[in-house]
N, C-alpha and C. Protein backbone atom coordinates (compact mmCIF):
# COMPACT_ATOMS: atom_id res chain seq x y z
N MET A 1 -160.87 -59.71 94.74
CA MET A 1 -159.90 -58.81 94.12
C MET A 1 -158.53 -59.07 94.75
N GLU A 2 -157.52 -59.08 93.93
CA GLU A 2 -156.15 -59.26 94.44
C GLU A 2 -155.63 -57.95 95.01
N ILE A 3 -154.72 -58.06 95.95
CA ILE A 3 -154.23 -56.86 96.64
C ILE A 3 -153.50 -55.92 95.69
N ASN A 4 -152.77 -56.45 94.71
CA ASN A 4 -152.07 -55.56 93.79
C ASN A 4 -153.05 -54.72 92.97
N VAL A 5 -154.21 -55.29 92.65
CA VAL A 5 -155.24 -54.55 91.91
C VAL A 5 -155.87 -53.49 92.81
N ALA A 6 -156.14 -53.84 94.06
CA ALA A 6 -156.72 -52.89 95.01
C ALA A 6 -155.78 -51.72 95.26
N ILE A 7 -154.49 -52.01 95.40
CA ILE A 7 -153.50 -50.93 95.58
C ILE A 7 -153.44 -50.07 94.33
N ALA A 8 -153.43 -50.72 93.17
CA ALA A 8 -153.36 -49.99 91.90
C ALA A 8 -154.54 -49.04 91.76
N GLN A 9 -155.74 -49.53 92.01
CA GLN A 9 -156.94 -48.69 91.89
C GLN A 9 -156.93 -47.55 92.89
N THR A 10 -156.54 -47.84 94.12
CA THR A 10 -156.53 -46.82 95.16
C THR A 10 -155.53 -45.72 94.83
N LEU A 11 -154.34 -46.10 94.41
CA LEU A 11 -153.33 -45.11 94.06
C LEU A 11 -153.78 -44.26 92.88
N ARG A 12 -154.29 -44.90 91.85
CA ARG A 12 -154.75 -44.17 90.66
C ARG A 12 -155.87 -43.19 91.03
N GLU A 13 -156.82 -43.64 91.83
CA GLU A 13 -157.93 -42.78 92.26
C GLU A 13 -157.41 -41.57 93.05
N LEU A 14 -156.50 -41.82 93.97
CA LEU A 14 -155.91 -40.73 94.76
C LEU A 14 -155.20 -39.72 93.87
N ARG A 15 -154.43 -40.23 92.96
CA ARG A 15 -153.64 -39.37 92.10
C ARG A 15 -154.54 -38.52 91.20
N ILE A 16 -155.54 -39.14 90.61
CA ILE A 16 -156.44 -38.42 89.71
C ILE A 16 -157.30 -37.42 90.50
N LYS A 17 -157.81 -37.85 91.65
CA LYS A 17 -158.63 -36.97 92.49
C LYS A 17 -157.87 -35.70 92.86
N ASN A 18 -156.58 -35.84 93.06
CA ASN A 18 -155.74 -34.71 93.47
C ASN A 18 -155.05 -34.03 92.29
N ASN A 19 -155.40 -34.47 91.07
CA ASN A 19 -154.86 -33.88 89.85
C ASN A 19 -153.33 -33.87 89.84
N VAL A 20 -152.76 -35.03 90.14
CA VAL A 20 -151.31 -35.20 90.20
C VAL A 20 -150.89 -36.19 89.13
N SER A 21 -149.89 -35.84 88.36
CA SER A 21 -149.40 -36.76 87.34
C SER A 21 -148.51 -37.83 87.98
N GLN A 22 -148.31 -38.91 87.25
CA GLN A 22 -147.40 -39.94 87.74
C GLN A 22 -146.00 -39.37 87.91
N GLU A 23 -145.60 -38.54 86.99
CA GLU A 23 -144.27 -37.94 87.05
C GLU A 23 -144.11 -37.05 88.28
N THR A 24 -145.11 -36.24 88.56
CA THR A 24 -145.06 -35.35 89.73
C THR A 24 -144.98 -36.16 91.01
N LEU A 25 -145.81 -37.19 91.10
CA LEU A 25 -145.79 -38.04 92.29
C LEU A 25 -144.44 -38.72 92.43
N ALA A 26 -143.93 -39.26 91.35
CA ALA A 26 -142.64 -39.95 91.39
C ALA A 26 -141.53 -39.02 91.87
N GLU A 27 -141.49 -37.82 91.35
CA GLU A 27 -140.47 -36.85 91.77
C GLU A 27 -140.62 -36.53 93.25
N ALA A 28 -141.86 -36.36 93.71
CA ALA A 28 -142.11 -35.99 95.11
C ALA A 28 -141.68 -37.06 96.09
N ILE A 29 -141.76 -38.32 95.67
CA ILE A 29 -141.40 -39.40 96.59
C ILE A 29 -140.06 -40.04 96.25
N ASP A 30 -139.30 -39.35 95.40
CA ASP A 30 -137.97 -39.81 95.00
C ASP A 30 -138.01 -41.20 94.37
N SER A 31 -138.88 -41.30 93.36
CA SER A 31 -139.05 -42.55 92.64
C SER A 31 -139.02 -42.27 91.14
N HIS A 32 -139.56 -43.19 90.35
CA HIS A 32 -139.59 -43.02 88.91
C HIS A 32 -141.01 -43.17 88.40
N GLN A 33 -141.34 -42.45 87.35
CA GLN A 33 -142.67 -42.49 86.76
C GLN A 33 -143.01 -43.91 86.31
N VAL A 34 -142.05 -44.61 85.76
CA VAL A 34 -142.28 -45.98 85.29
C VAL A 34 -142.70 -46.87 86.46
N TYR A 35 -142.07 -46.69 87.61
CA TYR A 35 -142.41 -47.49 88.80
C TYR A 35 -143.84 -47.18 89.25
N ILE A 36 -144.22 -45.91 89.25
CA ILE A 36 -145.59 -45.54 89.63
C ILE A 36 -146.57 -46.17 88.64
N SER A 37 -146.25 -46.13 87.38
CA SER A 37 -147.09 -46.74 86.35
C SER A 37 -147.23 -48.25 86.59
N GLU A 38 -146.14 -48.90 86.90
CA GLU A 38 -146.18 -50.35 87.15
C GLU A 38 -147.04 -50.68 88.37
N ILE A 39 -146.99 -49.84 89.40
CA ILE A 39 -147.85 -50.04 90.57
C ILE A 39 -149.31 -49.87 90.16
N GLU A 40 -149.60 -48.79 89.42
CA GLU A 40 -150.97 -48.51 89.01
C GLU A 40 -151.53 -49.54 88.04
N ASN A 41 -150.67 -50.26 87.37
CA ASN A 41 -151.11 -51.31 86.45
C ASN A 41 -151.10 -52.69 87.11
N GLY A 42 -150.81 -52.72 88.41
CA GLY A 42 -150.82 -53.98 89.15
C GLY A 42 -149.66 -54.89 88.86
N LYS A 43 -148.62 -54.36 88.21
CA LYS A 43 -147.46 -55.18 87.86
C LYS A 43 -146.44 -55.25 88.99
N LYS A 44 -146.42 -54.24 89.85
CA LYS A 44 -145.48 -54.20 90.98
C LYS A 44 -146.25 -53.90 92.26
N LEU A 45 -145.77 -54.45 93.35
CA LEU A 45 -146.28 -54.12 94.67
C LEU A 45 -145.28 -53.18 95.33
N PRO A 46 -145.74 -52.03 95.80
CA PRO A 46 -144.80 -51.09 96.42
C PRO A 46 -144.37 -51.56 97.80
N SER A 47 -143.17 -51.19 98.18
CA SER A 47 -142.70 -51.48 99.53
C SER A 47 -143.46 -50.60 100.51
N ILE A 48 -143.42 -50.94 101.76
CA ILE A 48 -144.09 -50.13 102.78
C ILE A 48 -143.46 -48.74 102.82
N TYR A 49 -142.20 -48.64 102.54
CA TYR A 49 -141.51 -47.35 102.47
C TYR A 49 -142.13 -46.46 101.40
N VAL A 50 -142.37 -47.02 100.22
CA VAL A 50 -142.98 -46.28 99.13
C VAL A 50 -144.42 -45.92 99.48
N VAL A 51 -145.17 -46.86 100.05
CA VAL A 51 -146.55 -46.57 100.46
C VAL A 51 -146.57 -45.42 101.47
N TYR A 52 -145.66 -45.47 102.42
CA TYR A 52 -145.59 -44.41 103.43
C TYR A 52 -145.33 -43.05 102.77
N ASN A 53 -144.41 -43.01 101.84
CA ASN A 53 -144.12 -41.74 101.14
C ASN A 53 -145.32 -41.26 100.32
N ILE A 54 -146.04 -42.19 99.73
CA ILE A 54 -147.23 -41.83 98.95
C ILE A 54 -148.30 -41.23 99.87
N VAL A 55 -148.58 -41.90 100.97
CA VAL A 55 -149.63 -41.38 101.86
C VAL A 55 -149.23 -40.05 102.48
N GLN A 56 -147.94 -39.89 102.75
CA GLN A 56 -147.47 -38.60 103.26
C GLN A 56 -147.69 -37.51 102.22
N TYR A 57 -147.40 -37.81 100.97
CA TYR A 57 -147.58 -36.84 99.90
C TYR A 57 -149.04 -36.39 99.80
N PHE A 58 -149.96 -37.34 99.95
CA PHE A 58 -151.38 -37.03 99.84
C PHE A 58 -152.01 -36.64 101.19
N ASP A 59 -151.17 -36.48 102.20
CA ASP A 59 -151.61 -36.07 103.54
C ASP A 59 -152.66 -37.03 104.11
N LEU A 60 -152.36 -38.32 103.99
CA LEU A 60 -153.21 -39.37 104.54
C LEU A 60 -152.42 -40.15 105.57
N SER A 61 -153.13 -40.94 106.34
CA SER A 61 -152.46 -41.87 107.25
C SER A 61 -152.39 -43.23 106.55
N LEU A 62 -151.51 -44.06 107.02
CA LEU A 62 -151.44 -45.42 106.48
C LEU A 62 -152.76 -46.14 106.66
N SER A 63 -153.40 -45.92 107.82
CA SER A 63 -154.67 -46.60 108.08
C SER A 63 -155.75 -46.16 107.10
N GLU A 64 -155.78 -44.89 106.73
CA GLU A 64 -156.75 -44.41 105.74
C GLU A 64 -156.52 -45.09 104.39
N PHE A 65 -155.27 -45.14 103.98
CA PHE A 65 -154.92 -45.76 102.70
C PHE A 65 -155.29 -47.24 102.70
N PHE A 66 -154.90 -47.95 103.76
CA PHE A 66 -155.19 -49.38 103.81
C PHE A 66 -156.66 -49.67 104.02
N SER A 67 -157.39 -48.74 104.61
CA SER A 67 -158.84 -48.89 104.74
C SER A 67 -159.50 -48.88 103.36
N CYS A 68 -159.03 -47.99 102.49
CA CYS A 68 -159.54 -47.97 101.11
C CYS A 68 -159.24 -49.28 100.39
N ILE A 69 -158.05 -49.77 100.59
CA ILE A 69 -157.67 -51.05 99.97
C ILE A 69 -158.52 -52.19 100.52
N ASP A 70 -158.72 -52.18 101.83
CA ASP A 70 -159.53 -53.22 102.47
C ASP A 70 -160.95 -53.23 101.92
N GLU A 71 -161.54 -52.06 101.72
CA GLU A 71 -162.89 -51.97 101.16
C GLU A 71 -162.94 -52.58 99.76
N LYS A 72 -161.94 -52.29 98.96
CA LYS A 72 -161.89 -52.85 97.61
C LYS A 72 -161.72 -54.37 97.65
N MET A 73 -160.94 -54.86 98.59
CA MET A 73 -160.69 -56.30 98.70
C MET A 73 -161.97 -57.06 99.07
N LYS A 74 -162.87 -56.40 99.79
CA LYS A 74 -164.11 -57.04 100.24
C LYS A 74 -165.15 -57.13 99.13
N LYS A 75 -164.96 -56.36 98.07
CA LYS A 75 -165.95 -56.36 96.97
C LYS A 75 -165.73 -57.51 96.02
């Protein structure tokens, strides 16, 4: 699995699990819904700054987020 796909799946799962819309997440991290959509569709790779803001929003650590990605990459 490519890293952009693993990030896309992890972000989408987090967002849906927490019942958060793309628009709500985008507003919370000072971004745009289109950008969140592009990340979730594997079209864009987020910067570490954006990843940090996302994990902060979901009350996770970077290591927790990247651990999920790592698990997906191993499959």
